[in-house]
């Protein structure tokens, strides 16, 4: 079963893995499922803090 996908570049929705307009790869428009026992949450938050620090923005916890 195919799922809805979206091109980040031109915002076109499709069922294909590549955009029919620009040829870029498409991604799922839905966020990942939430789990209170997220084993990688600590690492994602740490990475986000580092990225925000490099951009000169403050990351509120």
PDB file of N, CA and C in Angstrom:
ATOM      1  N   UNK A   1       0.839  -1.184   0.000  1.00  0.00           N
ATOM      2  CA  UNK A   1       0.000   0.000   0.000  1.00  0.00           C
ATOM      3  C   UNK A   1       0.882   1.245   0.000  1.00  0.00           C
ATOM      4  N   UNK A   2       0.627   2.164  -0.908  1.00  0.00           N
ATOM      5  CA  UNK A   2       1.387   3.398  -0.990  1.00  0.00           C
ATOM      6  C   UNK A   2       0.847   4.421  -0.015  1.00  0.00           C
ATOM      7  N   UNK A   3       1.724   5.210   0.505  1.00  0.00           N
ATOM      8  CA  UNK A   3       1.355   6.290   1.424  1.00  0.00           C
ATOM      9  C   UNK A   3       1.608   7.626   0.750  1.00  0.00           C
ATOM     10  N   UNK A   4       0.884   8.619   1.177  1.00  0.00           N
ATOM     11  CA  UNK A   4       1.037   9.964   0.644  1.00  0.00           C
ATOM     12  C   UNK A   4       2.422  10.499   0.968  1.00  0.00           C
ATOM     13  N   UNK A   5       3.045  11.154   0.008  1.00  0.00           N
ATOM     14  CA  UNK A   5       4.370  11.735   0.174  1.00  0.00           C
ATOM     15  C   UNK A   5       4.343  13.156  -0.369  1.00  0.00           C
ATOM     16  N   UNK A   6       5.319  13.970   0.029  1.00  0.00           N
ATOM     17  CA  UNK A   6       5.381  15.363  -0.416  1.00  0.00           C
ATOM     18  C   UNK A   6       6.814  15.717  -0.792  1.00  0.00           C
ATOM     19  N   UNK A   7       6.947  16.556  -1.813  1.00  0.00           N
ATOM     20  CA  UNK A   7       8.249  17.069  -2.225  1.00  0.00           C
ATOM     21  C   UNK A   7       8.545  18.299  -1.385  1.00  0.00           C
ATOM     22  N   UNK A   8       9.684  18.324  -0.719  1.00  0.00           N
ATOM     23  CA  UNK A   8      10.038  19.480   0.115  1.00  0.00           C
ATOM     24  C   UNK A   8      10.384  20.706  -0.718  1.00  0.00           C
ATOM     25  N   UNK A   9      10.854  20.496  -1.935  1.00  0.00           N
ATOM     26  CA  UNK A   9      11.291  21.610  -2.771  1.00  0.00           C
ATOM     27  C   UNK A   9      10.109  22.378  -3.365  1.00  0.00           C
ATOM     28  N   UNK A  10       9.163  21.652  -3.997  1.00  0.00           N
ATOM     29  CA  UNK A  10       8.064  22.354  -4.678  1.00  0.00           C
ATOM     30  C   UNK A  10       6.699  22.111  -4.038  1.00  0.00           C
ATOM     31  N   UNK A  11       6.652  21.405  -2.902  1.00  0.00           N
ATOM     32  CA  UNK A  11       5.434  21.185  -2.111  1.00  0.00           C
ATOM     33  C   UNK A  11       4.323  20.477  -2.882  1.00  0.00           C
ATOM     34  N   UNK A  12       4.675  19.547  -3.781  1.00  0.00           N
ATOM     35  CA  UNK A  12       3.710  18.773  -4.547  1.00  0.00           C
ATOM     36  C   UNK A  12       3.501  17.436  -3.838  1.00  0.00           C
ATOM     37  N   UNK A  13       2.243  17.034  -3.679  1.00  0.00           N
ATOM     38  CA  UNK A  13       1.925  15.751  -3.055  1.00  0.00           C
ATOM     39  C   UNK A  13       1.836  14.668  -4.121  1.00  0.00           C
ATOM     40  N   UNK A  14       2.331  13.465  -3.782  1.00  0.00           N
ATOM     41  CA  UNK A  14       2.350  12.353  -4.722  1.00  0.00           C
ATOM     42  C   UNK A  14       2.410  11.039  -3.949  1.00  0.00           C
ATOM     43  N   UNK A  15       2.265   9.929  -4.659  1.00  0.00           N
ATOM     44  CA  UNK A  15       2.435   8.607  -4.062  1.00  0.00           C
ATOM     45  C   UNK A  15       3.775   7.995  -4.446  1.00  0.00           C
ATOM     46  N   UNK A  16       4.531   8.673  -5.280  1.00  0.00           N
ATOM     47  CA  UNK A  16       5.808   8.169  -5.786  1.00  0.00           C
ATOM     48  C   UNK A  16       6.961   8.548  -4.852  1.00  0.00           C
ATOM     49  N   UNK A  17       8.105   7.887  -5.038  1.00  0.00           N
ATOM     50  CA  UNK A  17       9.301   8.182  -4.246  1.00  0.00           C
ATOM     51  C   UNK A  17      10.056   9.405  -4.758  1.00  0.00           C
ATOM     52  N   UNK A  18       9.759   9.832  -5.993  1.00  0.00           N
ATOM     53  CA  UNK A  18      10.372  11.031  -6.555  1.00  0.00           C
ATOM     54  C   UNK A  18       9.275  11.968  -7.043  1.00  0.00           C
ATOM     55  N   UNK A  19       9.550  13.252  -7.007  1.00  0.00           N
ATOM     56  CA  UNK A  19       8.589  14.271  -7.422  1.00  0.00           C
ATOM     57  C   UNK A  19       8.413  14.237  -8.942  1.00  0.00           C
ATOM     58  N   UNK A  20       7.164  14.315  -9.393  1.00  0.00           N
ATOM     59  CA  UNK A  20       6.895  14.291 -10.833  1.00  0.00           C
ATOM     60  C   UNK A  20       7.205  15.628 -11.494  1.00  0.00           C
ATOM     61  N   UNK A  21       7.342  16.698 -10.714  1.00  0.00           N
ATOM     62  CA  UNK A  21       7.605  18.027 -11.255  1.00  0.00           C
ATOM     63  C   UNK A  21       9.108  18.315 -11.341  1.00  0.00           C
ATOM     64  N   UNK A  22       9.817  18.133 -10.221  1.00  0.00           N
ATOM     65  CA  UNK A  22      11.230  18.529 -10.190  1.00  0.00           C
ATOM     66  C   UNK A  22      12.194  17.345 -10.100  1.00  0.00           C
ATOM     67  N   UNK A  23      11.699  16.141  -9.805  1.00  0.00           N
ATOM     68  CA  UNK A  23      12.568  14.972  -9.751  1.00  0.00           C
ATOM     69  C   UNK A  23      13.279  14.766  -8.424  1.00  0.00           C
ATOM     70  N   UNK A  24      13.014  15.608  -7.431  1.00  0.00           N
ATOM     71  CA  UNK A  24      13.639  15.470  -6.107  1.00  0.00           C
ATOM     72  C   UNK A  24      12.996  14.312  -5.341  1.00  0.00           C
ATOM     73  N   UNK A  25      13.713  13.718  -4.379  1.00  0.00           N
ATOM     74  CA  UNK A  25      13.113  12.668  -3.551  1.00  0.00           C
ATOM     75  C   UNK A  25      11.990  13.243  -2.685  1.00  0.00           C
ATOM     76  N   UNK A  26      10.957  12.450  -2.442  1.00  0.00           N
ATOM     77  CA  UNK A  26       9.838  12.894  -1.611  1.00  0.00           C
ATOM     78  C   UNK A  26       9.969  12.301  -0.214  1.00  0.00           C
ATOM     79  N   UNK A  27       9.267  12.913   0.744  1.00  0.00           N
ATOM     80  CA  UNK A  27       9.286  12.464   2.135  1.00  0.00           C
ATOM     81  C   UNK A  27       7.855  12.336   2.643  1.00  0.00           C
ATOM     82  N   UNK A  28       7.691  11.641   3.737  1.00  0.00           N
ATOM     83  CA  UNK A  28       6.380  11.511   4.356  1.00  0.00           C
ATOM     84  C   UNK A  28       6.015  12.833   5.029  1.00  0.00           C
ATOM     85  N   UNK A  29       4.783  13.337   4.836  1.00  0.00           N
ATOM     86  CA  UNK A  29       4.398  14.593   5.470  1.00  0.00           C
ATOM     87  C   UNK A  29       3.956  14.418   6.919  1.00  0.00           C
ATOM     88  N   UNK A  30       3.913  13.172   7.407  1.00  0.00           N
ATOM     89  CA  UNK A  30       3.423  12.897   8.743  1.00  0.00           C
ATOM     90  C   UNK A  30       4.581  12.818   9.730  1.00  0.00           C
ATOM     91  N   UNK A  31       4.396  13.327  10.955  1.00  0.00           N
ATOM     92  CA  UNK A  31       5.460  13.217  11.967  1.00  0.00           C
ATOM     93  C   UNK A  31       5.586  11.773  12.442  1.00  0.00           C
ATOM     94  N   UNK A  32       6.738  11.395  12.988  1.00  0.00           N
ATOM     95  CA  UNK A  32       6.880  10.035  13.518  1.00  0.00           C
ATOM     96  C   UNK A  32       5.966   9.822  14.725  1.00  0.00           C
ATOM     97  N   UNK A  33       5.640   8.585  14.997  1.00  0.00           N
ATOM     98  CA  UNK A  33       4.784   8.273  16.136  1.00  0.00           C
ATOM     99  C   UNK A  33       5.495   8.635  17.436  1.00  0.00           C
ATOM    100  N   UNK A  34       4.717   9.078  18.424  1.00  0.00           N
ATOM    101  CA  UNK A  34       5.267   9.441  19.724  1.00  0.00           C
ATOM    102  C   UNK A  34       5.270   8.226  20.635  1.00  0.00           C
ATOM    103  N   UNK A  35       6.351   8.058  21.366  1.00  0.00           N
ATOM    104  CA  UNK A  35       6.440   6.995  22.359  1.00  0.00           C
ATOM    105  C   UNK A  35       7.103   7.555  23.616  1.00  0.00           C
ATOM    106  N   UNK A  36       6.484   7.373  24.779  1.00  0.00           N
ATOM    107  CA  UNK A  36       7.111   7.847  26.017  1.00  0.00           C
ATOM    108  C   UNK A  36       8.437   7.147  26.311  1.00  0.00           C
ATOM    109  N   UNK A  37       8.624   5.949  25.774  1.00  0.00           N
ATOM    110  CA  UNK A  37       9.867   5.212  25.983  1.00  0.00           C
ATOM    111  C   UNK A  37      10.792   5.406  24.792  1.00  0.00           C
ATOM    112  N   UNK A  38      10.906   6.622  24.305  1.00  0.00           N
ATOM    113  CA  UNK A  38      11.726   6.932  23.131  1.00  0.00           C
ATOM    114  C   UNK A  38      13.199   6.701  23.452  1.00  0.00           C
ATOM    115  N   UNK A  39      13.821   5.653  22.860  1.00  0.00           N
ATOM    116  CA  UNK A  39      15.213   5.355  23.197  1.00  0.00           C
ATOM    117  C   UNK A  39      16.208   6.355  22.603  1.00  0.00           C
ATOM    118  N   UNK A  40      15.813   7.133  21.595  1.00  0.00           N
ATOM    119  CA  UNK A  40      16.743   8.052  20.937  1.00  0.00           C
ATOM    120  C   UNK A  40      16.424   9.522  21.217  1.00  0.00           C
ATOM    121  N   UNK A  41      15.447   9.796  22.076  1.00  0.00           N
ATOM    122  CA  UNK A  41      15.042  11.163  22.371  1.00  0.00           C
ATOM    123  C   UNK A  41      16.179  12.026  22.906  1.00  0.00           C
ATOM    124  N   UNK A  42      16.970  11.447  23.777  1.00  0.00           N
ATOM    125  CA  UNK A  42      18.105  12.177  24.364  1.00  0.00           C
ATOM    126  C   UNK A  42      19.076  12.639  23.281  1.00  0.00           C
ATOM    127  N   UNK A  43      19.339  11.758  22.314  1.00  0.00           N
ATOM    128  CA  UNK A  43      20.289  12.078  21.249  1.00  0.00           C
ATOM    129  C   UNK A  43      19.724  13.117  20.282  1.00  0.00           C
ATOM    130  N   UNK A  44      18.414  13.039  19.977  1.00  0.00           N
ATOM    131  CA  UNK A  44      17.799  14.020  19.096  1.00  0.00           C
ATOM    132  C   UNK A  44      17.822  15.407  19.721  1.00  0.00           C
ATOM    133  N   UNK A  45      17.522  15.476  21.034  1.00  0.00           N
ATOM    134  CA  UNK A  45      17.541  16.775  21.721  1.00  0.00           C
ATOM    135  C   UNK A  45      18.960  17.343  21.790  1.00  0.00           C
ATOM    136  N   UNK A  46      19.944  16.479  22.017  1.00  0.00           N
ATOM    137  CA  UNK A  46      21.341  16.922  22.067  1.00  0.00           C
ATOM    138  C   UNK A  46      21.770  17.472  20.708  1.00  0.00           C
ATOM    139  N   UNK A  47      21.407  16.771  19.626  1.00  0.00           N
ATOM    140  CA  UNK A  47      21.734  17.232  18.280  1.00  0.00           C
ATOM    141  C   UNK A  47      21.052  18.563  17.984  1.00  0.00           C
ATOM    142  N   UNK A  48      19.794  18.701  18.384  1.00  0.00           N
ATOM    143  CA  UNK A  48      19.070  19.952  18.141  1.00  0.00           C
ATOM    144  C   UNK A  48      19.731  21.112  18.886  1.00  0.00           C
ATOM    145  N   UNK A  49      20.162  20.864  20.125  1.00  0.00           N
ATOM    146  CA  UNK A  49      20.858  21.914  20.886  1.00  0.00           C
ATOM    147  C   UNK A  49      22.129  22.360  20.169  1.00  0.00           C
ATOM    148  N   UNK A  50      22.896  21.392  19.640  1.00  0.00           N
ATOM    149  CA  UNK A  50      24.141  21.717  18.930  1.00  0.00           C
ATOM    150  C   UNK A  50      23.864  22.517  17.660  1.00  0.00           C
ATOM    151  N   UNK A  51      22.844  22.133  16.918  1.00  0.00           N
ATOM    152  CA  UNK A  51      22.490  22.849  15.684  1.00  0.00           C
ATOM    153  C   UNK A  51      22.048  24.264  16.005  1.00  0.00           C
ATOM    154  N   UNK A  52      21.205  24.416  17.025  1.00  0.00           N
ATOM    155  CA  UNK A  52      20.726  25.746  17.407  1.00  0.00           C
ATOM    156  C   UNK A  52      21.889  26.620  17.887  1.00  0.00           C
ATOM    157  N   UNK A  53      22.848  26.014  18.588  1.00  0.00           N
ATOM    158  CA  UNK A  53      24.001  26.757  19.089  1.00  0.00           C
ATOM    159  C   UNK A  53      24.848  27.268  17.925  1.00  0.00           C
ATOM    160  N   UNK A  54      25.027  26.418  16.887  1.00  0.00           N
ATOM    161  CA  UNK A  54      25.792  26.827  15.712  1.00  0.00           C
ATOM    162  C   UNK A  54      25.110  27.962  14.959  1.00  0.00           C
ATOM    163  N   UNK A  55      23.772  27.971  14.966  1.00  0.00           N
ATOM    164  CA  UNK A  55      23.028  29.018  14.272  1.00  0.00           C
ATOM    165  C   UNK A  55      22.911  30.293  15.123  1.00  0.00           C
ATOM    166  N   UNK A  56      23.400  30.240  16.348  1.00  0.00           N
ATOM    167  CA  UNK A  56      23.377  31.411  17.203  1.00  0.00           C
ATOM    168  C   UNK A  56      22.043  31.623  17.882  1.00  0.00           C
ATOM    169  N   UNK A  57      21.214  30.596  17.943  1.00  0.00           N
ATOM    170  CA  UNK A  57      19.913  30.682  18.589  1.00  0.00           C
ATOM    171  C   UNK A  57      19.965  29.936  19.908  1.00  0.00           C
ATOM    172  N   UNK A  58      19.085  30.330  20.821  1.00  0.00           N
ATOM    173  CA  UNK A  58      19.042  29.663  22.129  1.00  0.00           C
ATOM    174  C   UNK A  58      17.970  28.600  22.107  1.00  0.00           C
ATOM    175  N   UNK A  59      18.282  27.423  22.617  1.00  0.00           N
ATOM    176  CA  UNK A  59      17.346  26.305  22.680  1.00  0.00           C
ATOM    177  C   UNK A  59      16.773  26.222  24.068  1.00  0.00           C
ATOM    178  N   UNK A  60      15.457  26.441  24.204  1.00  0.00           N
ATOM    179  CA  UNK A  60      14.800  26.376  25.504  1.00  0.00           C
ATOM    180  C   UNK A  60      14.420  24.940  25.811  1.00  0.00           C
ATOM    181  N   UNK A  61      14.765  24.485  26.999  1.00  0.00           N
ATOM    182  CA  UNK A  61      14.473  23.111  27.393  1.00  0.00           C
ATOM    183  C   UNK A  61      13.106  22.984  27.963  1.00  0.00           C
TER     184      UNK A  61
END
